C-alpha atoms as a PDB file:
ATOM      1  CA  UNK A   1     -31.970  -2.898 -92.013  1.00  0.00           C
ATOM      2  CA  UNK A   2     -32.243  -4.141 -88.448  1.00  0.00           C
ATOM      3  CA  UNK A   3     -29.681  -2.744 -86.042  1.00  0.00           C
ATOM      4  CA  UNK A   4     -30.164  -5.588 -83.576  1.00  0.00           C
ATOM      5  CA  UNK A   5     -26.704  -6.900 -82.653  1.00  0.00           C
ATOM      6  CA  UNK A   6     -25.119  -4.640 -85.281  1.00  0.00           C
ATOM      7  CA  UNK A   7     -21.894  -2.922 -84.274  1.00  0.00           C
ATOM      8  CA  UNK A   8     -20.081   0.165 -85.480  1.00  0.00           C
ATOM      9  CA  UNK A   9     -16.594   1.532 -84.969  1.00  0.00           C
ATOM     10  CA  UNK A  10     -16.008   4.962 -83.414  1.00  0.00           C
ATOM     11  CA  UNK A  11     -13.087   7.238 -82.609  1.00  0.00           C
ATOM     12  CA  UNK A  12     -13.689   9.501 -79.616  1.00  0.00           C
ATOM     13  CA  UNK A  13     -12.209  12.643 -78.128  1.00  0.00           C
ATOM     14  CA  UNK A  14     -13.170  12.925 -74.477  1.00  0.00           C
ATOM     15  CA  UNK A  15     -12.833  15.983 -72.261  1.00  0.00           C
ATOM     16  CA  UNK A  16     -12.816  14.803 -68.648  1.00  0.00           C
ATOM     17  CA  UNK A  17     -13.610  17.771 -66.378  1.00  0.00           C
ATOM     18  CA  UNK A  18     -12.500  17.745 -62.740  1.00  0.00           C
ATOM     19  CA  UNK A  19     -12.243  20.601 -60.236  1.00  0.00           C
ATOM     20  CA  UNK A  20      -9.272  22.656 -61.394  1.00  0.00           C
ATOM     21  CA  UNK A  21      -8.288  20.335 -64.250  1.00  0.00           C
ATOM     22  CA  UNK A  22      -9.416  19.075 -67.638  1.00  0.00           C
ATOM     23  CA  UNK A  23      -7.867  15.907 -69.011  1.00  0.00           C
ATOM     24  CA  UNK A  24      -8.386  15.079 -72.681  1.00  0.00           C
ATOM     25  CA  UNK A  25      -8.294  11.430 -73.707  1.00  0.00           C
ATOM     26  CA  UNK A  26      -8.675   9.687 -77.047  1.00  0.00           C
ATOM     27  CA  UNK A  27     -10.197   6.364 -78.015  1.00  0.00           C
ATOM     28  CA  UNK A  28      -9.509   4.891 -81.436  1.00  0.00           C
ATOM     29  CA  UNK A  29     -11.452   2.168 -83.235  1.00  0.00           C
ATOM     30  CA  UNK A  30     -13.791   1.247 -80.374  1.00  0.00           C
ATOM     31  CA  UNK A  31     -16.434  -1.274 -81.407  1.00  0.00           C
ATOM     32  CA  UNK A  32     -19.824  -0.413 -79.909  1.00  0.00           C
ATOM     33  CA  UNK A  33     -23.425  -1.346 -80.506  1.00  0.00           C
ATOM     34  CA  UNK A  34     -25.107   0.630 -83.287  1.00  0.00           C
ATOM     35  CA  UNK A  35     -27.822   3.109 -82.347  1.00  0.00           C
ATOM     36  CA  UNK A  36     -31.341   1.899 -83.083  1.00  0.00           C
ATOM     37  CA  UNK A  37     -32.545   5.430 -83.755  1.00  0.00           C
ATOM     38  CA  UNK A  38     -31.196   8.885 -84.508  1.00  0.00           C
ATOM     39  CA  UNK A  39     -33.989  10.617 -82.561  1.00  0.00           C
ATOM     40  CA  UNK A  40     -32.193  13.029 -80.204  1.00  0.00           C
ATOM     41  CA  UNK A  41     -33.403  11.634 -76.852  1.00  0.00           C
ATOM     42  CA  UNK A  42     -32.850   8.060 -77.961  1.00  0.00           C
ATOM     43  CA  UNK A  43     -29.392   8.913 -79.281  1.00  0.00           C
ATOM     44  CA  UNK A  44     -28.443  10.362 -75.873  1.00  0.00           C
ATOM     45  CA  UNK A  45     -29.604   7.109 -74.249  1.00  0.00           C
ATOM     46  CA  UNK A  46     -27.498   5.172 -76.757  1.00  0.00           C
ATOM     47  CA  UNK A  47     -24.457   7.311 -75.927  1.00  0.00           C
ATOM     48  CA  UNK A  48     -24.980   6.696 -72.219  1.00  0.00           C
ATOM     49  CA  UNK A  49     -25.153   2.955 -72.813  1.00  0.00           C
ATOM     50  CA  UNK A  50     -22.332   2.697 -75.363  1.00  0.00           C
ATOM     51  CA  UNK A  51     -19.927   5.642 -74.906  1.00  0.00           C
ATOM     52  CA  UNK A  52     -20.011   6.605 -71.225  1.00  0.00           C
ATOM     53  CA  UNK A  53     -17.803   3.647 -70.314  1.00  0.00           C
ATOM     54  CA  UNK A  54     -14.894   5.322 -72.125  1.00  0.00           C
ATOM     55  CA  UNK A  55     -14.988   8.439 -69.917  1.00  0.00           C
ATOM     56  CA  UNK A  56     -12.908   9.130 -66.832  1.00  0.00           C
ATOM     57  CA  UNK A  57      -9.294   8.786 -65.874  1.00  0.00           C
ATOM     58  CA  UNK A  58      -9.647   6.551 -62.833  1.00  0.00           C
ATOM     59  CA  UNK A  59     -10.535   9.225 -60.279  1.00  0.00           C
ATOM     60  CA  UNK A  60     -12.937   7.943 -57.670  1.00  0.00           C
ATOM     61  CA  UNK A  61     -13.637  11.115 -55.685  1.00  0.00           C
ATOM     62  CA  UNK A  62     -14.811  14.655 -56.351  1.00  0.00           C
ATOM     63  CA  UNK A  63     -17.108  16.120 -58.956  1.00  0.00           C
ATOM     64  CA  UNK A  64     -16.663  15.292 -62.621  1.00  0.00           C
ATOM     65  CA  UNK A  65     -18.322  15.712 -65.973  1.00  0.00           C
ATOM     66  CA  UNK A  66     -17.469  14.563 -69.459  1.00  0.00           C
ATOM     67  CA  UNK A  67     -17.893  15.690 -73.052  1.00  0.00           C
ATOM     68  CA  UNK A  68     -17.559  12.954 -75.658  1.00  0.00           C
ATOM     69  CA  UNK A  69     -17.170  13.865 -79.338  1.00  0.00           C
ATOM     70  CA  UNK A  70     -17.293  11.262 -82.098  1.00  0.00           C
ATOM     71  CA  UNK A  71     -14.380  12.168 -84.380  1.00  0.00           C
ATOM     72  CA  UNK A  72     -14.537   9.082 -86.572  1.00  0.00           C
ATOM     73  CA  UNK A  73     -17.237   6.514 -87.217  1.00  0.00           C
ATOM     74  CA  UNK A  74     -18.279   3.775 -89.596  1.00  0.00           C
ATOM     75  CA  UNK A  75     -21.759   5.366 -89.235  1.00  0.00           C
ATOM     76  CA  UNK A  76     -21.457   8.715 -91.043  1.00  0.00           C
ATOM     77  CA  UNK A  77     -24.505  10.196 -89.296  1.00  0.00           C
ATOM     78  CA  UNK A  78     -22.583  10.161 -86.000  1.00  0.00           C
ATOM     79  CA  UNK A  79     -19.523  12.117 -87.153  1.00  0.00           C
ATOM     80  CA  UNK A  80     -19.066  15.265 -85.105  1.00  0.00           C
ATOM     81  CA  UNK A  81     -21.829  14.419 -82.630  1.00  0.00           C
ATOM     82  CA  UNK A  82     -21.110  15.395 -79.024  1.00  0.00           C
ATOM     83  CA  UNK A  83     -22.626  14.101 -75.810  1.00  0.00           C
ATOM     84  CA  UNK A  84     -22.414  15.508 -72.285  1.00  0.00           C
ATOM     85  CA  UNK A  85     -22.420  13.442 -69.116  1.00  0.00           C
ATOM     86  CA  UNK A  86     -22.468  14.611 -65.522  1.00  0.00           C
END
């Protein structure tokens, strides 16, 4: 089945790390483009393209990093997958 223009739904738990503080946020039922591949490097690229936009809490200064965990998904192969940014 072609994944071109196919979308999936994901629930995310995001740990937003800032100096001296971690802020956890949640995203429910986000519709994103489906990954074209489940090869590890390509999946990280997919996460950067599709999931990174959900990170952050509006801070515009200082160091930050983010851990995104897929806690729900219409694509079962993604359940429990985590991605690090920053």
